[in-house]
Protein backbone atom coordinates (compact mmCIF):
# COMPACT_ATOMS: atom_id res chain seq x y z
CA UNK A 1 15.08 -17.44 -21.80
CA UNK A 2 16.17 -16.33 -25.25
CA UNK A 3 18.67 -13.60 -26.06
CA UNK A 4 18.35 -12.12 -22.56
CA UNK A 5 14.55 -11.83 -22.80
CA UNK A 6 12.90 -13.35 -19.73
CA UNK A 7 9.44 -14.90 -19.81
CA UNK A 8 7.84 -13.75 -16.56
CA UNK A 9 4.60 -15.03 -15.13
CA UNK A 10 2.74 -12.44 -13.05
CA UNK A 11 0.55 -14.09 -10.43
CA UNK A 12 -2.36 -11.73 -9.72
CA UNK A 13 -4.85 -14.40 -8.61
CA UNK A 14 -5.25 -12.68 -5.23
CA UNK A 15 -6.86 -9.65 -6.93
CA UNK A 16 -10.58 -9.70 -7.59
CA UNK A 17 -11.55 -8.51 -11.09
CA UNK A 18 -11.67 -4.72 -11.15
CA UNK A 19 -10.43 -4.39 -7.57
CA UNK A 20 -8.10 -1.48 -6.93
CA UNK A 21 -6.21 -1.78 -3.67
CA UNK A 22 -2.72 -0.89 -2.53
CA UNK A 23 -1.38 -4.22 -3.75
CA UNK A 24 -3.37 -3.85 -6.96
CA UNK A 25 -1.92 -0.40 -7.58
CA UNK A 26 1.57 -1.80 -6.96
CA UNK A 27 1.04 -4.70 -9.38
CA UNK A 28 -0.44 -2.79 -12.30
CA UNK A 29 1.87 0.22 -12.05
CA UNK A 30 4.90 -2.07 -12.34
CA UNK A 31 3.31 -4.08 -15.15
CA UNK A 32 2.75 -0.80 -17.02
CA UNK A 33 6.45 -0.08 -16.72
CA UNK A 34 7.47 -3.64 -17.65
CA UNK A 35 5.54 -3.67 -20.95
CA UNK A 36 7.77 -0.82 -22.15
CA UNK A 37 10.90 -2.94 -21.68
CA UNK A 38 12.56 -5.21 -24.23
CA UNK A 39 13.99 -7.68 -21.71
CA UNK A 40 10.72 -8.99 -20.24
CA UNK A 41 7.86 -10.96 -21.79
CA UNK A 42 4.82 -10.96 -19.50
CA UNK A 43 2.23 -13.68 -18.92
CA UNK A 44 -0.45 -12.48 -16.50
CA UNK A 45 -2.52 -15.00 -14.56
CA UNK A 46 -5.74 -13.31 -13.45
CA UNK A 47 -9.18 -14.15 -12.13
CA UNK A 48 -11.57 -14.12 -15.08
CA UNK A 49 -8.71 -12.90 -17.26
CA UNK A 50 -9.23 -9.37 -15.92
CA UNK A 51 -6.43 -6.86 -16.42
CA UNK A 52 -6.75 -3.07 -16.74
CA UNK A 53 -7.99 -2.00 -20.17
CA UNK A 54 -4.76 -0.25 -21.13
CA UNK A 55 -2.79 -3.50 -20.66
CA UNK A 56 -5.05 -6.08 -22.30
CA UNK A 57 -3.36 -6.02 -25.69
CA UNK A 58 0.16 -5.70 -24.30
CA UNK A 59 0.46 -8.83 -22.16
CA UNK A 60 -0.41 -12.48 -22.57
CA UNK A 61 -3.39 -13.15 -20.31
CA UNK A 62 -4.18 -16.58 -18.86
CA UNK A 63 -7.66 -16.59 -17.28
CA UNK A 64 -8.31 -18.36 -13.99
CA UNK A 65 -11.75 -18.96 -12.51
CA UNK A 66 -13.53 -16.18 -10.63
CA UNK A 67 -13.60 -17.24 -7.00
CA UNK A 68 -16.55 -16.69 -4.70
CA UNK A 69 -14.31 -16.90 -1.64
CA UNK A 70 -10.69 -16.37 -0.70
CA UNK A 71 -10.49 -19.97 0.52
CA UNK A 72 -11.44 -21.24 -2.93
CA UNK A 73 -8.78 -19.07 -4.51
CA UNK A 74 -6.09 -20.25 -2.09
CA UNK A 75 -6.91 -23.92 -2.67
CA UNK A 76 -6.84 -23.41 -6.45
CA UNK A 77 -3.58 -21.44 -6.32
CA UNK A 78 -1.78 -24.04 -4.23
CA UNK A 79 -3.05 -27.07 -6.22
CA UNK A 80 -4.41 -26.66 -9.75
CA UNK A 81 -2.50 -23.49 -10.58
CA UNK A 82 0.73 -24.82 -9.07
CA UNK A 83 0.55 -27.74 -11.52
CA UNK A 84 -0.70 -25.89 -14.61
CA UNK A 85 1.75 -22.99 -14.42
CA UNK A 86 4.52 -25.26 -15.74
CA UNK A 87 2.73 -25.39 -19.13
CA UNK A 88 3.67 -21.80 -19.89
CA UNK A 89 7.46 -22.16 -20.19
CA UNK A 90 8.20 -19.47 -17.62
CA UNK A 91 11.67 -18.42 -16.58
CA UNK A 92 10.32 -16.82 -13.39
CA UNK A 93 6.96 -16.58 -11.62
CA UNK A 94 6.53 -13.25 -9.84
CA UNK A 95 3.76 -13.34 -7.21
CA UNK A 96 2.86 -9.82 -6.13
CA UNK A 97 0.52 -10.67 -3.23
CA UNK A 98 2.69 -12.05 -0.42
CA UNK A 99 2.67 -15.78 -1.24
CA UNK A 100 3.67 -18.15 -4.04
CA UNK A 101 2.15 -21.46 -5.23
CA UNK A 102 4.61 -23.59 -3.28
CA UNK A 103 4.56 -26.67 -5.51
CA UNK A 104 4.98 -24.82 -8.81
CA UNK A 105 8.21 -26.08 -10.47
CA UNK A 106 9.52 -22.65 -11.49
CA UNK A 107 11.89 -20.07 -9.94
CA UNK A 108 9.90 -17.75 -7.69
CA UNK A 109 10.05 -14.06 -6.88
CA UNK A 110 7.56 -12.85 -4.28
CA UNK A 111 6.64 -9.38 -3.11
CA UNK A 112 5.90 -9.26 0.62
CA UNK A 113 4.38 -5.87 1.38
CA UNK A 114 4.31 -6.03 5.17
CA UNK A 115 4.01 -8.31 8.18
CA UNK A 116 0.62 -7.09 9.33
CA UNK A 117 -0.31 -10.58 10.49
CA UNK A 118 2.42 -10.33 13.14
CA UNK A 119 2.56 -6.63 14.01
CA UNK A 120 -1.12 -5.72 13.69
CA UNK A 121 -3.01 -9.03 13.99
CA UNK A 122 -6.28 -7.31 14.88
CA UNK A 123 -6.31 -5.82 11.38
CA UNK A 124 -6.27 -9.27 9.76
CA UNK A 125 -9.26 -11.62 9.99
CA UNK A 126 -8.60 -14.88 11.84
CA UNK A 127 -8.52 -17.32 8.92
CA UNK A 128 -6.52 -14.89 6.80
CA UNK A 129 -4.08 -14.36 9.67
CA UNK A 130 -3.44 -18.10 9.93
CA UNK A 131 -3.02 -18.27 6.15
CA UNK A 132 -0.26 -15.66 6.29
CA UNK A 133 1.37 -17.21 9.36
CA UNK A 134 1.86 -20.45 7.45
CA UNK A 135 2.36 -19.34 3.87
CA UNK A 136 4.57 -16.26 4.26
CA UNK A 137 7.43 -18.18 5.94
CA UNK A 138 6.95 -21.00 3.43
CA UNK A 139 7.09 -18.46 0.59
CA UNK A 140 10.35 -17.04 1.95
CA UNK A 141 11.90 -20.51 2.01
CA UNK A 142 10.61 -21.39 -1.47
CA UNK A 143 11.52 -18.16 -3.33
CA UNK A 144 14.81 -17.29 -4.92
CA UNK A 145 14.23 -13.61 -4.26
CA UNK A 146 11.90 -11.61 -2.00
CA UNK A 147 11.00 -8.00 -2.83
CA UNK A 148 9.93 -5.68 -0.02
CA UNK A 149 8.90 -2.03 -0.20
CA UNK A 150 10.85 -0.80 2.81
CA UNK A 151 13.96 -1.65 4.81
CA UNK A 152 11.70 -1.95 7.87
CA UNK A 153 9.98 -4.98 6.32
CA UNK A 154 13.33 -6.50 5.37
CA UNK A 155 14.48 -6.11 8.98
CA UNK A 156 11.25 -7.72 10.20
CA UNK A 157 11.78 -10.71 7.94
CA UNK A 158 15.38 -11.04 9.04
CA UNK A 159 14.61 -10.77 12.74
CA UNK A 160 11.42 -12.81 12.88
CA UNK A 161 11.76 -15.39 10.12
CA UNK A 162 15.51 -15.82 9.97
CA UNK A 163 15.88 -14.48 6.45
CA UNK A 164 19.33 -13.35 5.36
CA UNK A 165 18.54 -10.10 3.55
CA UNK A 166 21.94 -10.14 1.79
CA UNK A 167 21.11 -13.36 -0.02
CA UNK A 168 17.46 -13.20 -0.99
CA UNK A 169 15.67 -10.02 0.19
CA UNK A 170 15.77 -6.88 -1.92
CA UNK A 171 14.38 -3.51 -0.85
CA UNK A 172 12.65 -1.68 -3.69
CA UNK A 173 10.85 1.52 -2.74
CA UNK A 174 7.43 1.86 -4.35
CA UNK A 175 6.37 4.71 -6.57
CA UNK A 176 3.57 7.19 -6.03
CA UNK A 177 0.46 7.64 -8.18
CA UNK A 178 1.42 10.72 -10.16
CA UNK A 179 -1.92 10.51 -11.99
CA UNK A 180 -3.52 11.79 -8.79
CA UNK A 181 -1.63 15.06 -9.28
CA UNK A 182 -2.92 15.55 -12.83
CA UNK A 183 -6.57 14.55 -12.37
CA UNK A 184 -9.07 17.41 -12.20
CA UNK A 185 -9.80 17.79 -8.47
CA UNK A 186 -13.41 18.00 -7.33
CA UNK A 187 -13.96 20.67 -4.71
CA UNK A 188 -15.08 18.76 -1.60
CA UNK A 189 -18.47 19.40 -0.04
CA UNK A 190 -16.82 19.77 3.35
CA UNK A 191 -16.49 23.08 5.12
CA UNK A 192 -12.85 24.02 5.74
CA UNK A 193 -10.71 23.82 7.70
CA UNK A 194 -10.50 20.04 8.06
CA UNK A 195 -7.83 17.41 8.62
CA UNK A 196 -7.78 14.31 6.45
CA UNK A 197 -7.12 10.65 7.20
CA UNK A 198 -7.10 7.98 4.47
CA UNK A 199 -7.26 4.57 6.12
CA UNK A 200 -9.33 1.45 6.60
CA UNK A 201 -10.67 1.77 10.14
CA UNK A 202 -8.88 -1.15 11.78
CA UNK A 203 -7.52 -1.01 15.33
CA UNK A 204 -3.98 -0.63 14.00
CA UNK A 205 -4.81 2.74 12.42
CA UNK A 206 -5.60 4.25 15.85
CA UNK A 207 -8.15 6.63 14.37
CA UNK A 208 -9.44 7.25 17.89
CA UNK A 209 -6.26 9.28 18.48
CA UNK A 210 -6.98 11.54 15.51
CA UNK A 211 -10.65 11.87 16.48
CA UNK A 212 -9.66 12.72 20.04
CA UNK A 213 -7.16 15.34 18.85
CA UNK A 214 -9.72 17.12 16.69
CA UNK A 215 -12.26 16.94 19.51
CA UNK A 216 -9.79 18.60 21.90
CA UNK A 217 -9.13 21.40 19.40
CA UNK A 218 -12.84 21.97 18.90
CA UNK A 219 -13.27 22.22 22.67
CA UNK A 220 -10.57 24.92 22.63
CA UNK A 221 -12.55 26.93 20.09
CA UNK A 222 -11.14 25.73 16.75
CA UNK A 223 -13.80 25.35 14.06
CA UNK A 224 -12.15 22.19 12.75
CA UNK A 225 -13.53 19.10 11.02
CA UNK A 226 -12.20 15.62 10.30
CA UNK A 227 -12.62 13.71 7.05
CA UNK A 228 -11.91 9.97 7.00
CA UNK A 229 -11.73 8.10 3.68
CA UNK A 230 -11.71 4.32 3.91
CA UNK A 231 -13.73 1.25 4.78
CA UNK A 232 -14.94 0.44 8.29
CA UNK A 233 -14.83 -3.39 8.25
CA UNK A 234 -15.41 -3.93 11.97
CA UNK A 235 -17.57 -0.91 12.78
CA UNK A 236 -14.84 0.69 14.90
CA UNK A 237 -15.13 4.07 13.20
CA UNK A 238 -18.92 4.11 13.39
CA UNK A 239 -18.71 3.54 17.14
CA UNK A 240 -15.99 6.16 17.61
CA UNK A 241 -17.84 8.92 15.73
CA UNK A 242 -21.32 8.21 17.08
CA UNK A 243 -22.80 11.58 17.98
CA UNK A 244 -20.07 13.48 16.14
CA UNK A 245 -21.75 13.66 12.74
CA UNK A 246 -21.68 17.45 12.80
CA UNK A 247 -17.87 17.54 12.48
CA UNK A 248 -16.71 14.08 11.30
CA UNK A 249 -17.27 13.14 7.66
CA UNK A 250 -16.76 9.51 6.61
CA UNK A 251 -16.47 8.51 2.95
CA UNK A 252 -16.01 4.78 2.41
CA UNK A 253 -15.02 5.15 -1.24
CA UNK A 254 -14.30 8.12 -3.48
CA UNK A 255 -13.13 8.44 -7.07
CA UNK A 256 -9.75 9.95 -7.93
CA UNK A 257 -11.12 13.44 -8.58
CA UNK A 258 -12.84 13.51 -5.18
CA UNK A 259 -9.74 12.15 -3.44
CA UNK A 260 -7.50 14.71 -5.13
CA UNK A 261 -9.87 17.48 -4.04
CA UNK A 262 -9.94 16.24 -0.45
CA UNK A 263 -6.14 16.13 -0.32
CA UNK A 264 -5.61 19.54 -1.93
CA UNK A 265 -8.04 21.33 0.37
CA UNK A 266 -7.01 19.67 3.64
CA UNK A 267 -5.27 21.72 6.32
CA UNK A 268 -3.23 18.65 7.25
CA UNK A 269 -2.99 14.93 6.59
CA UNK A 270 -2.84 12.95 9.84
CA UNK A 271 -2.06 9.31 10.63
CA UNK A 272 -1.48 7.72 14.01
CA UNK A 273 -0.97 4.20 12.67
CA UNK A 274 0.81 1.67 14.89
CA UNK A 275 2.28 -0.20 11.91
CA UNK A 276 2.56 0.32 8.16
CA UNK A 277 4.46 -1.72 5.62
CA UNK A 278 4.75 1.37 3.42
CA UNK A 279 2.21 4.21 3.74
CA UNK A 280 1.19 5.33 0.24
CA UNK A 281 -1.39 7.94 1.42
CA UNK A 282 1.41 9.84 3.18
CA UNK A 283 3.23 10.21 -0.15
CA UNK A 284 0.01 11.18 -1.93
CA UNK A 285 -0.55 13.92 0.63
CA UNK A 286 3.01 15.19 0.25
CA UNK A 287 2.75 15.13 -3.53
CA UNK A 288 -0.42 17.25 -3.38
CA UNK A 289 1.04 19.80 -0.99
CA UNK A 290 -0.58 18.79 2.29
CA UNK A 291 1.37 19.16 5.56
CA UNK A 292 1.78 15.66 7.02
CA UNK A 293 1.59 14.70 10.70
CA UNK A 294 2.33 11.05 11.36
CA UNK A 295 3.44 8.40 13.80
CA UNK A 296 6.62 6.39 13.64
CA UNK A 297 4.84 3.07 13.15
CA UNK A 298 6.59 0.52 10.96
CA UNK A 299 7.93 2.01 7.73
CA UNK A 300 6.31 5.44 8.12
CA UNK A 301 9.47 7.38 9.12
CA UNK A 302 11.36 5.68 6.31
CA UNK A 303 8.71 6.67 3.76
CA UNK A 304 7.67 10.11 5.06
CA UNK A 305 11.28 11.13 5.72
CA UNK A 306 11.85 14.77 6.64
CA UNK A 307 8.58 15.70 4.95
CA UNK A 308 6.46 15.07 8.04
CA UNK A 309 6.06 16.18 11.63
CA UNK A 310 6.18 13.39 14.22
CA UNK A 311 4.32 14.07 17.48
CA UNK A 312 6.30 13.06 20.58
CA UNK A 313 3.58 10.64 21.72
CA UNK A 314 0.69 8.84 20.04
CA UNK A 315 -2.12 10.34 22.06
CA UNK A 316 -4.84 12.91 21.48
CA UNK A 317 -3.05 15.67 23.40
CA UNK A 318 0.21 15.38 21.41
CA UNK A 319 -1.61 15.17 18.10
CA UNK A 320 -3.81 18.14 18.99
CA UNK A 321 -0.69 20.20 19.72
CA UNK A 322 0.87 19.20 16.38
CA UNK A 323 -2.29 19.94 14.39
CA UNK A 324 -2.69 23.28 16.14
CA UNK A 325 0.88 24.22 15.26
CA UNK A 326 0.28 23.49 11.56
CA UNK A 327 -3.01 25.41 11.60
CA UNK A 328 -1.66 28.49 13.36
CA UNK A 329 1.91 28.80 12.10
CA UNK A 330 2.07 29.39 8.35
CA UNK A 331 5.85 28.99 8.24
CA UNK A 332 5.61 25.52 9.78
CA UNK A 333 2.93 24.44 7.32
CA UNK A 334 4.92 25.79 4.37
CA UNK A 335 8.12 24.10 5.56
CA UNK A 336 6.30 20.77 5.74
CA UNK A 337 4.86 21.27 2.25
CA UNK A 338 8.30 22.05 0.81
CA UNK A 339 9.94 19.12 2.58
CA UNK A 340 7.11 16.85 1.42
CA UNK A 341 7.57 17.81 -2.22
CA UNK A 342 11.29 17.03 -1.94
CA UNK A 343 10.66 13.71 -0.22
CA UNK A 344 8.28 12.48 -2.92
CA UNK A 345 11.06 12.86 -5.50
CA UNK A 346 12.63 9.71 -4.03
CA UNK A 347 9.70 7.57 -5.19
CA UNK A 348 8.95 6.68 -8.82
CA UNK A 349 7.49 3.65 -10.59
CA UNK A 350 10.08 3.73 -13.36
CA UNK A 351 12.90 3.42 -10.83
CA UNK A 352 10.94 0.74 -8.93
CA UNK A 353 10.47 -1.14 -12.22
CA UNK A 354 14.19 -1.01 -13.05
CA UNK A 355 15.12 -2.35 -9.63
CA UNK A 356 12.39 -5.03 -9.63
CA UNK A 357 13.39 -6.16 -13.13
CA UNK A 358 16.95 -6.54 -11.88
CA UNK A 359 15.70 -8.79 -9.08
CA UNK A 360 13.76 -10.88 -11.62
CA UNK A 361 16.89 -11.26 -13.73
CA UNK A 362 18.80 -12.41 -10.62
CA UNK A 363 16.17 -15.08 -9.94
CA UNK A 364 16.24 -16.32 -13.53
CA UNK A 365 19.97 -17.03 -13.54
């Protein structure tokens, strides 16, 4: 550390080159903010040396091998990388993907996004679940500071892992991708009206509730469709929508223009998730003026705030009633849009960067 400028290693080894995920969005949005600061000097450790094009000339990049499997990456991170990281004269190593290289002789800051492996184990593959069960508690013990995106996650850590939030856990709300609001939306090739869900089809997402709600409304005479954007890793969605191709549209991946168009033209955004560590799609929907209907799973009430309607029960009947209310009562839909716009104002990457930088400074002292 020289003159207050901190040399920060950014451990992105968990990200595959070019991969854009929720954790990837979190990492690169904060790095974009950090490169504008005078108090941080960034050294990014990345598979194949891959960083987004707009950052390549603005950070020091240290390439790591490209890994064919997650197991290979974990072994490398906890052995070779843990030893070699000391060569880079870091004041702090910030690991943005849940775990740190435990043996690395440097002060650690870790971002733990959620405790899916405990609260929604069916959504995490067996080997990966065991990896988190061992390494997340070890990361908490090893790190000087832990960053979480919601107070709900901080409470989970405190209750389940014995972490004193007042000494090492800091809650830093994420931002929202404002670029999605400025991209040129592509008009979706889906007949309106439709409700939208953006989620990987794991058991935790309870997409069967949303499907059942739309099916009930169609049986009552509503000409309503459902659009689901997200992967289907276990085939749960395919099984649930078998024979419903005439009114359920599944898109595994879409570009930003398509996603913006799907949001902007949706009658409602709906999630029945049992647990979320944050819930970025809820904020994206609110930002783009979509009435939000959601569960109270995990951090969702904390993130969605007063900008969402919460059905009294997580079942098809309750969700059908809520969706019907939004479809038929313009004042309700408009009130949710207005409340959503106001809620999104609480979330920004520049504020998140200021607060995360403060945590990094704490760890460096």
